């Protein structure tokens, strides 16, 4: 679980932070792992329902 921002953040700042976290995780994929590295990802506020994320752009095996 990672925190990507605060209530005071603009939408663009939250999206940028989320993108940076997902890219960082994707870049750390060990060579020994084949196929998909992420199974799923969600964003959730402290009291709200989770929102599913499209993680296809962050799947290193799907890029190229």
N, C-alpha and C. Protein backbone atom coordinates (compact mmCIF):
# COMPACT_ATOMS: atom_id res chain seq x y z
N UNK A 1 0.85 -1.16 0.00
CA UNK A 1 0.00 0.00 0.00
C UNK A 1 0.90 1.23 0.00
N UNK A 2 0.57 2.18 -0.85
CA UNK A 2 1.32 3.43 -0.96
C UNK A 2 0.36 4.60 -0.96
N UNK A 3 0.77 5.67 -0.34
CA UNK A 3 -0.01 6.91 -0.35
C UNK A 3 0.47 7.75 -1.52
N UNK A 4 -0.48 8.23 -2.34
CA UNK A 4 -0.09 9.02 -3.51
C UNK A 4 -0.37 10.50 -3.35
N UNK A 5 -1.05 10.90 -2.29
CA UNK A 5 -1.31 12.32 -2.12
C UNK A 5 -2.25 12.62 -0.97
N UNK A 6 -2.64 13.87 -0.90
CA UNK A 6 -3.56 14.37 0.12
C UNK A 6 -4.78 14.98 -0.55
N UNK A 7 -5.76 15.28 0.24
CA UNK A 7 -6.99 15.89 -0.25
C UNK A 7 -6.71 17.21 -0.98
N UNK A 8 -5.69 17.91 -0.55
CA UNK A 8 -5.37 19.22 -1.12
C UNK A 8 -4.70 19.14 -2.50
N UNK A 9 -4.27 17.97 -2.93
CA UNK A 9 -3.58 17.81 -4.21
C UNK A 9 -4.55 17.98 -5.38
N UNK A 10 -4.04 18.57 -6.45
CA UNK A 10 -4.80 18.68 -7.70
C UNK A 10 -4.84 17.31 -8.38
N UNK A 11 -5.81 17.11 -9.26
CA UNK A 11 -5.95 15.83 -9.97
C UNK A 11 -4.68 15.46 -10.73
N UNK A 12 -4.07 16.44 -11.39
CA UNK A 12 -2.85 16.18 -12.16
C UNK A 12 -1.71 15.69 -11.28
N UNK A 13 -1.59 16.25 -10.09
CA UNK A 13 -0.53 15.84 -9.17
C UNK A 13 -0.76 14.41 -8.68
N UNK A 14 -2.00 14.06 -8.39
CA UNK A 14 -2.31 12.69 -7.97
C UNK A 14 -2.02 11.69 -9.09
N UNK A 15 -2.43 12.02 -10.30
CA UNK A 15 -2.19 11.14 -11.45
C UNK A 15 -0.69 10.97 -11.69
N UNK A 16 0.06 12.05 -11.57
CA UNK A 16 1.50 11.99 -11.76
C UNK A 16 2.17 11.11 -10.71
N UNK A 17 1.75 11.25 -9.46
CA UNK A 17 2.31 10.44 -8.38
C UNK A 17 1.97 8.96 -8.58
N UNK A 18 0.74 8.66 -8.96
CA UNK A 18 0.34 7.28 -9.20
C UNK A 18 1.14 6.68 -10.35
N UNK A 19 1.30 7.43 -11.42
CA UNK A 19 2.06 6.97 -12.56
C UNK A 19 3.51 6.69 -12.17
N UNK A 20 4.09 7.55 -11.37
CA UNK A 20 5.48 7.36 -10.92
C UNK A 20 5.63 6.09 -10.09
N UNK A 21 4.68 5.82 -9.21
CA UNK A 21 4.75 4.60 -8.38
C UNK A 21 4.63 3.35 -9.24
N UNK A 22 3.65 3.32 -10.15
CA UNK A 22 3.46 2.13 -10.99
C UNK A 22 4.65 1.90 -11.92
N UNK A 23 5.20 2.96 -12.48
CA UNK A 23 6.39 2.81 -13.34
C UNK A 23 7.58 2.30 -12.55
N UNK A 24 7.75 2.80 -11.33
CA UNK A 24 8.86 2.37 -10.49
C UNK A 24 8.76 0.88 -10.14
N UNK A 25 7.57 0.43 -9.81
CA UNK A 25 7.36 -0.99 -9.50
C UNK A 25 7.62 -1.84 -10.74
N UNK A 26 7.11 -1.41 -11.89
CA UNK A 26 7.28 -2.17 -13.13
C UNK A 26 8.76 -2.29 -13.50
N UNK A 27 9.54 -1.26 -13.27
CA UNK A 27 10.97 -1.28 -13.61
C UNK A 27 11.77 -2.23 -12.72
N UNK A 28 11.23 -2.56 -11.56
CA UNK A 28 11.93 -3.43 -10.61
C UNK A 28 11.58 -4.91 -10.81
N UNK A 29 10.89 -5.24 -11.87
CA UNK A 29 10.51 -6.63 -12.13
C UNK A 29 11.78 -7.47 -12.31
N UNK A 30 11.94 -8.52 -11.50
CA UNK A 30 13.10 -9.39 -11.65
C UNK A 30 13.08 -10.12 -12.99
N UNK A 31 14.25 -10.37 -13.57
CA UNK A 31 14.36 -11.07 -14.85
C UNK A 31 13.76 -12.47 -14.78
N UNK A 32 13.79 -13.09 -13.60
CA UNK A 32 13.32 -14.47 -13.45
C UNK A 32 11.80 -14.60 -13.52
N UNK A 33 11.07 -13.50 -13.40
CA UNK A 33 9.61 -13.55 -13.45
C UNK A 33 9.17 -13.38 -14.89
N UNK A 34 8.45 -14.36 -15.39
CA UNK A 34 7.94 -14.32 -16.76
C UNK A 34 6.46 -13.93 -16.74
N UNK A 35 6.00 -13.28 -17.78
CA UNK A 35 4.59 -12.91 -17.89
C UNK A 35 4.26 -11.66 -17.10
N UNK A 36 3.02 -11.58 -16.67
CA UNK A 36 2.54 -10.40 -15.96
C UNK A 36 3.19 -10.27 -14.59
N UNK A 37 3.53 -9.06 -14.24
CA UNK A 37 4.13 -8.77 -12.94
C UNK A 37 3.07 -8.27 -11.96
N UNK A 38 2.10 -7.51 -12.46
CA UNK A 38 0.99 -7.02 -11.65
C UNK A 38 -0.21 -7.92 -11.90
N UNK A 39 -0.97 -8.22 -10.87
CA UNK A 39 -2.23 -8.92 -11.05
C UNK A 39 -3.37 -7.91 -11.16
N UNK A 40 -3.36 -6.93 -10.26
CA UNK A 40 -4.38 -5.88 -10.30
C UNK A 40 -3.89 -4.72 -9.45
N UNK A 41 -4.54 -3.58 -9.61
CA UNK A 41 -4.23 -2.40 -8.80
C UNK A 41 -5.51 -1.61 -8.57
N UNK A 42 -5.59 -1.01 -7.42
CA UNK A 42 -6.76 -0.22 -7.05
C UNK A 42 -6.32 1.06 -6.35
N UNK A 43 -7.17 2.09 -6.45
CA UNK A 43 -6.97 3.34 -5.72
C UNK A 43 -8.17 3.47 -4.80
N UNK A 44 -7.91 3.88 -3.56
CA UNK A 44 -8.99 4.00 -2.60
C UNK A 44 -8.75 5.17 -1.67
N UNK A 45 -9.81 5.91 -1.39
CA UNK A 45 -9.73 6.94 -0.35
C UNK A 45 -9.88 6.23 1.00
N UNK A 46 -9.65 6.93 2.07
CA UNK A 46 -9.73 6.29 3.38
C UNK A 46 -11.12 5.78 3.71
N UNK A 47 -12.15 6.42 3.20
CA UNK A 47 -13.52 6.00 3.52
C UNK A 47 -14.35 5.61 2.29
N UNK A 48 -13.78 5.68 1.11
CA UNK A 48 -14.54 5.41 -0.11
C UNK A 48 -14.31 4.04 -0.67
N UNK A 49 -15.08 3.67 -1.69
CA UNK A 49 -14.90 2.38 -2.35
C UNK A 49 -13.65 2.40 -3.24
N UNK A 50 -13.04 1.24 -3.47
CA UNK A 50 -11.86 1.19 -4.34
C UNK A 50 -12.24 1.38 -5.81
N UNK A 51 -11.31 1.95 -6.57
CA UNK A 51 -11.46 2.11 -8.01
C UNK A 51 -10.41 1.25 -8.68
N UNK A 52 -10.82 0.37 -9.58
CA UNK A 52 -9.88 -0.49 -10.29
C UNK A 52 -9.11 0.33 -11.31
N UNK A 53 -7.83 0.02 -11.46
CA UNK A 53 -6.96 0.71 -12.41
C UNK A 53 -6.65 -0.18 -13.60
N UNK A 54 -6.51 0.42 -14.76
CA UNK A 54 -6.03 -0.29 -15.94
C UNK A 54 -4.51 -0.34 -15.85
N UNK A 55 -3.95 -1.51 -15.62
CA UNK A 55 -2.51 -1.62 -15.42
C UNK A 55 -1.77 -2.15 -16.66
N UNK A 56 -2.49 -2.33 -17.75
CA UNK A 56 -1.85 -2.84 -18.98
C UNK A 56 -0.65 -2.00 -19.41
N UNK A 57 -0.69 -0.67 -19.33
CA UNK A 57 0.49 0.10 -19.76
C UNK A 57 1.73 -0.12 -18.89
N UNK A 58 1.55 -0.70 -17.72
CA UNK A 58 2.66 -0.89 -16.78
C UNK A 58 3.18 -2.34 -16.77
N UNK A 59 2.61 -3.17 -17.61
CA UNK A 59 3.05 -4.56 -17.69
C UNK A 59 4.27 -4.62 -18.63
N UNK A 60 5.47 -4.75 -18.08
CA UNK A 60 6.67 -4.78 -18.92
C UNK A 60 6.61 -5.84 -20.01
N UNK A 61 5.98 -6.97 -19.74
CA UNK A 61 5.93 -8.04 -20.73
C UNK A 61 5.03 -7.68 -21.91
N UNK A 62 4.15 -6.71 -21.74
CA UNK A 62 3.25 -6.32 -22.82
C UNK A 62 3.83 -5.18 -23.65
N UNK A 63 4.84 -4.49 -23.12
CA UNK A 63 5.47 -3.40 -23.85
C UNK A 63 6.48 -3.98 -24.83
N UNK A 64 6.76 -3.28 -25.90
CA UNK A 64 7.73 -3.65 -26.95
C UNK A 64 7.03 -4.11 -28.16
